[in-house]
Amino acid sequence: MDLKNILTISGHSGLFKHVAQSKTGIIVESLEDKKRTVVYIYSKINSLQDIAVFLQNGEMPLHEIFRQIFEKENGNLIFPNAKPADKELKEYFASIIPNYDRSRVYLSDMKRMISWYNILQKNSLLDFSEAAENEKITQ
């Protein structure tokens, strides 16, 4: 699974795939509605590959969190038909990462990660098979 070209953009909901470079920014495609747009240089853009979650003794990369969720859910979506209560979401997150830093990982972060996981899973972008992992290592 390569999250390098999957982006989150401040001020825009959802996830985007990097498509091309333009004079004034980058062209991205929404993973949800497949619409393309130009995102300007001054926008805050983050690659999912660069995101990590604070633990009590370090950090865990986002792709590892997605792996934990994927294994727990057997590749299914999380809360596909309902919005979980805040307490339920915190309990779920603690079951995935028991040692996450409760003072620096907020409920909004948890909701965002669950949403991202579901978007990636709907678009078949989460592949944790051995062949996919070996291909990533050789690149």
C-alpha atoms as a PDB file:
ATOM      1  CA  MET A   1       0.000   0.000   0.000  1.00  0.00           C
ATOM      2  CA  ASP A   2       1.496   3.293  -1.099  1.00  0.00           C
ATOM      3  CA  LEU A   3       0.022   6.371   0.560  1.00  0.00           C
ATOM      4  CA  LYS A   4       2.549   8.784  -0.952  1.00  0.00           C
ATOM      5  CA  ASN A   5       0.165  10.072  -3.658  1.00  0.00           C
ATOM      6  CA  ILE A   6      -2.931  10.147  -1.447  1.00  0.00           C
ATOM      7  CA  LEU A   7      -3.387  13.646  -0.066  1.00  0.00           C
ATOM      8  CA  THR A   8      -5.384  15.509   2.509  1.00  0.00           C
ATOM      9  CA  ILE A   9      -5.958  19.202   1.799  1.00  0.00           C
ATOM     10  CA  SER A  10      -6.841  21.780   4.419  1.00  0.00           C
ATOM     11  CA  GLY A  11     -10.244  23.292   3.738  1.00  0.00           C
ATOM     12  CA  HIS A  12     -11.395  20.327   1.629  1.00  0.00           C
ATOM     13  CA  SER A  13     -13.137  17.238   2.957  1.00  0.00           C
ATOM     14  CA  GLY A  14     -12.124  13.765   1.889  1.00  0.00           C
ATOM     15  CA  LEU A  15      -8.985  12.434   0.267  1.00  0.00           C
ATOM     16  CA  PHE A  16      -7.369  13.248  -3.057  1.00  0.00           C
ATOM     17  CA  LYS A  17      -5.027  11.530  -5.467  1.00  0.00           C
ATOM     18  CA  HIS A  18      -2.142  13.550  -6.930  1.00  0.00           C
ATOM     19  CA  VAL A  19      -2.606  13.623 -10.714  1.00  0.00           C
ATOM     20  CA  ALA A  20      -0.182  16.203 -12.134  1.00  0.00           C
ATOM     21  CA  GLN A  21       1.776  19.392 -11.544  1.00  0.00           C
ATOM     22  CA  SER A  22       0.586  22.770 -12.848  1.00  0.00           C
ATOM     23  CA  LYS A  23       2.198  26.210 -12.932  1.00  0.00           C
ATOM     24  CA  THR A  24       0.390  27.405  -9.829  1.00  0.00           C
ATOM     25  CA  GLY A  25      -0.053  24.196  -7.847  1.00  0.00           C
ATOM     26  CA  ILE A  26      -1.056  20.593  -8.337  1.00  0.00           C
ATOM     27  CA  ILE A  27      -3.972  18.860  -9.999  1.00  0.00           C
ATOM     28  CA  VAL A  28      -5.769  16.421  -7.713  1.00  0.00           C
ATOM     29  CA  GLU A  29      -8.681  14.029  -8.110  1.00  0.00           C
ATOM     30  CA  SER A  30     -11.187  13.422  -5.332  1.00  0.00           C
ATOM     31  CA  LEU A  31     -11.366   9.765  -4.312  1.00  0.00           C
ATOM     32  CA  GLU A  32     -15.060  10.128  -3.574  1.00  0.00           C
ATOM     33  CA  ASP A  33     -16.548  11.837  -6.646  1.00  0.00           C
ATOM     34  CA  LYS A  34     -13.558  11.577  -9.062  1.00  0.00           C
ATOM     35  CA  LYS A  35     -13.705  15.311  -9.833  1.00  0.00           C
ATOM     36  CA  ARG A  36     -10.401  16.980 -10.645  1.00  0.00           C
ATOM     37  CA  THR A  37      -9.356  20.367  -9.353  1.00  0.00           C
ATOM     38  CA  VAL A  38      -6.279  22.560  -9.025  1.00  0.00           C
ATOM     39  CA  VAL A  39      -4.929  23.057  -5.529  1.00  0.00           C
ATOM     40  CA  TYR A  40      -2.751  26.114  -5.212  1.00  0.00           C
ATOM     41  CA  ILE A  41       0.735  26.235  -3.752  1.00  0.00           C
ATOM     42  CA  TYR A  42      -0.329  28.155  -0.652  1.00  0.00           C
ATOM     43  CA  SER A  43      -2.790  25.405   0.426  1.00  0.00           C
ATOM     44  CA  LYS A  44      -1.802  23.118   3.267  1.00  0.00           C
ATOM     45  CA  ILE A  45      -1.343  19.690   1.657  1.00  0.00           C
ATOM     46  CA  ASN A  46      -0.248  16.527   3.466  1.00  0.00           C
ATOM     47  CA  SER A  47       0.515  13.091   2.125  1.00  0.00           C
ATOM     48  CA  LEU A  48      -1.005  10.262   4.170  1.00  0.00           C
ATOM     49  CA  GLN A  49       2.436   8.659   4.137  1.00  0.00           C
ATOM     50  CA  ASP A  50       3.738  11.521   6.313  1.00  0.00           C
ATOM     51  CA  ILE A  51       1.034  11.249   8.993  1.00  0.00           C
ATOM     52  CA  ALA A  52       1.590   9.382  12.257  1.00  0.00           C
ATOM     53  CA  VAL A  53      -0.300   8.989  15.527  1.00  0.00           C
ATOM     54  CA  PHE A  54       1.242   9.843  18.865  1.00  0.00           C
ATOM     55  CA  LEU A  55       1.818   6.914  21.174  1.00  0.00           C
ATOM     56  CA  GLN A  56       2.793   7.105  24.828  1.00  0.00           C
ATOM     57  CA  ASN A  57       6.315   6.150  23.765  1.00  0.00           C
ATOM     58  CA  GLY A  58       6.717   7.369  20.180  1.00  0.00           C
ATOM     59  CA  GLU A  59       4.643   7.433  17.003  1.00  0.00           C
ATOM     60  CA  MET A  60       2.876   4.936  14.744  1.00  0.00           C
ATOM     61  CA  PRO A  61       2.642   5.602  10.986  1.00  0.00           C
ATOM     62  CA  LEU A  62      -0.867   5.881   9.573  1.00  0.00           C
ATOM     63  CA  HIS A  63      -0.401   2.879   7.282  1.00  0.00           C
ATOM     64  CA  GLU A  64       0.241   0.711  10.359  1.00  0.00           C
ATOM     65  CA  ILE A  65      -2.994   1.947  11.919  1.00  0.00           C
ATOM     66  CA  PHE A  66      -4.823   1.108   8.705  1.00  0.00           C
ATOM     67  CA  ARG A  67      -3.252  -2.373   8.797  1.00  0.00           C
ATOM     68  CA  GLN A  68      -4.480  -2.888  12.375  1.00  0.00           C
ATOM     69  CA  ILE A  69      -7.999  -1.801  11.404  1.00  0.00           C
ATOM     70  CA  PHE A  70      -7.950  -3.942   8.256  1.00  0.00           C
ATOM     71  CA  GLU A  71      -6.992  -7.018  10.264  1.00  0.00           C
ATOM     72  CA  LYS A  72      -9.533  -6.332  13.019  1.00  0.00           C
ATOM     73  CA  GLU A  73     -12.356  -5.746  10.524  1.00  0.00           C
ATOM     74  CA  ASN A  74     -11.284  -8.509   8.093  1.00  0.00           C
ATOM     75  CA  GLY A  75     -11.118  -5.951   5.289  1.00  0.00           C
ATOM     76  CA  ASN A  76     -14.600  -4.549   5.928  1.00  0.00           C
ATOM     77  CA  LEU A  77     -15.637  -0.931   6.463  1.00  0.00           C
ATOM     78  CA  ILE A  78     -15.844   0.525   9.967  1.00  0.00           C
ATOM     79  CA  PHE A  79     -19.237   1.788  11.134  1.00  0.00           C
ATOM     80  CA  PRO A  80     -20.547   1.793   7.537  1.00  0.00           C
ATOM     81  CA  ASN A  81     -24.167   2.720   8.327  1.00  0.00           C
ATOM     82  CA  ALA A  82     -23.975   4.695  11.544  1.00  0.00           C
ATOM     83  CA  LYS A  83     -22.101   7.423  13.316  1.00  0.00           C
ATOM     84  CA  PRO A  84     -20.669   5.913  16.487  1.00  0.00           C
ATOM     85  CA  ALA A  85     -21.014   7.675  19.812  1.00  0.00           C
ATOM     86  CA  ASP A  86     -17.869   9.407  21.031  1.00  0.00           C
ATOM     87  CA  LYS A  87     -17.344   6.835  23.777  1.00  0.00           C
ATOM     88  CA  GLU A  88     -17.748   3.959  21.317  1.00  0.00           C
ATOM     89  CA  LEU A  89     -15.214   5.539  18.947  1.00  0.00           C
ATOM     90  CA  LYS A  90     -12.656   6.005  21.726  1.00  0.00           C
ATOM     91  CA  GLU A  91     -13.121   2.387  22.832  1.00  0.00           C
ATOM     92  CA  TYR A  92     -12.702   1.178  19.251  1.00  0.00           C
ATOM     93  CA  PHE A  93      -9.545   3.224  18.790  1.00  0.00           C
ATOM     94  CA  ALA A  94      -8.148   1.921  22.093  1.00  0.00           C
ATOM     95  CA  SER A  95      -8.801  -1.644  20.910  1.00  0.00           C
ATOM     96  CA  ILE A  96      -6.694  -0.948  17.805  1.00  0.00           C
ATOM     97  CA  ILE A  97      -3.910   1.044  19.492  1.00  0.00           C
ATOM     98  CA  PRO A  98      -4.042   0.516  23.258  1.00  0.00           C
ATOM     99  CA  ASN A  99      -1.049   2.772  23.940  1.00  0.00           C
ATOM    100  CA  TYR A 100      -2.087   5.848  21.937  1.00  0.00           C
ATOM    101  CA  ASP A 101      -1.435   9.156  23.687  1.00  0.00           C
ATOM    102  CA  ARG A 102      -4.857  10.154  25.008  1.00  0.00           C
ATOM    103  CA  SER A 103      -3.761  13.736  25.652  1.00  0.00           C
ATOM    104  CA  ARG A 104      -2.565  14.385  22.059  1.00  0.00           C
ATOM    105  CA  VAL A 105      -4.879  12.243  19.902  1.00  0.00           C
ATOM    106  CA  TYR A 106      -8.262  13.937  19.771  1.00  0.00           C
ATOM    107  CA  LEU A 107     -11.689  12.591  18.915  1.00  0.00           C
ATOM    108  CA  SER A 108     -11.621  14.615  15.684  1.00  0.00           C
ATOM    109  CA  ASP A 109      -8.377  12.820  14.712  1.00  0.00           C
ATOM    110  CA  MET A 110     -10.011   9.438  15.328  1.00  0.00           C
ATOM    111  CA  LYS A 111     -13.057  10.368  13.240  1.00  0.00           C
ATOM    112  CA  ARG A 112     -10.800  11.581  10.431  1.00  0.00           C
ATOM    113  CA  MET A 113      -8.726   8.364  10.418  1.00  0.00           C
ATOM    114  CA  ILE A 114     -11.854   6.182  10.385  1.00  0.00           C
ATOM    115  CA  SER A 115     -13.253   8.249   7.514  1.00  0.00           C
ATOM    116  CA  TRP A 116      -9.961   7.980   5.595  1.00  0.00           C
ATOM    117  CA  TYR A 117      -9.832   4.225   6.135  1.00  0.00           C
ATOM    118  CA  ASN A 118     -13.367   3.835   4.775  1.00  0.00           C
ATOM    119  CA  ILE A 119     -12.623   6.016   1.718  1.00  0.00           C
ATOM    120  CA  LEU A 120      -9.452   4.053   0.929  1.00  0.00           C
ATOM    121  CA  GLN A 121     -11.213   0.727   1.434  1.00  0.00           C
ATOM    122  CA  LYS A 122     -14.147   1.730  -0.818  1.00  0.00           C
ATOM    123  CA  ASN A 123     -11.625   2.609  -3.537  1.00  0.00           C
ATOM    124  CA  SER A 124      -9.691  -0.667  -3.071  1.00  0.00           C
ATOM    125  CA  LEU A 125      -6.511   1.211  -2.177  1.00  0.00           C
ATOM    126  CA  LEU A 126      -5.702  -0.819   0.937  1.00  0.00           C
ATOM    127  CA  ASP A 127      -3.696  -3.897   0.011  1.00  0.00           C
ATOM    128  CA  PHE A 128      -1.896  -5.612   2.841  1.00  0.00           C
ATOM    129  CA  SER A 129      -1.121  -8.835   1.014  1.00  0.00           C
ATOM    130  CA  GLU A 130       2.431 -10.140   1.182  1.00  0.00           C
ATOM    131  CA  ALA A 131       2.976  -9.533  -2.548  1.00  0.00           C
ATOM    132  CA  ALA A 132       1.959  -5.874  -2.215  1.00  0.00           C
ATOM    133  CA  GLU A 133       4.235  -5.357   0.785  1.00  0.00           C
ATOM    134  CA  ASN A 134       7.181  -7.017  -0.980  1.00  0.00           C
ATOM    135  CA  GLU A 135       6.621  -4.831  -4.043  1.00  0.00           C
ATOM    136  CA  LYS A 136       6.695  -1.730  -1.852  1.00  0.00           C
ATOM    137  CA  ILE A 137       9.984  -2.792  -0.258  1.00  0.00           C
ATOM    138  CA  THR A 138      11.672  -3.303  -3.637  1.00  0.00           C
ATOM    139  CA  GLN A 139      10.652   0.135  -4.938  1.00  0.00           C
END
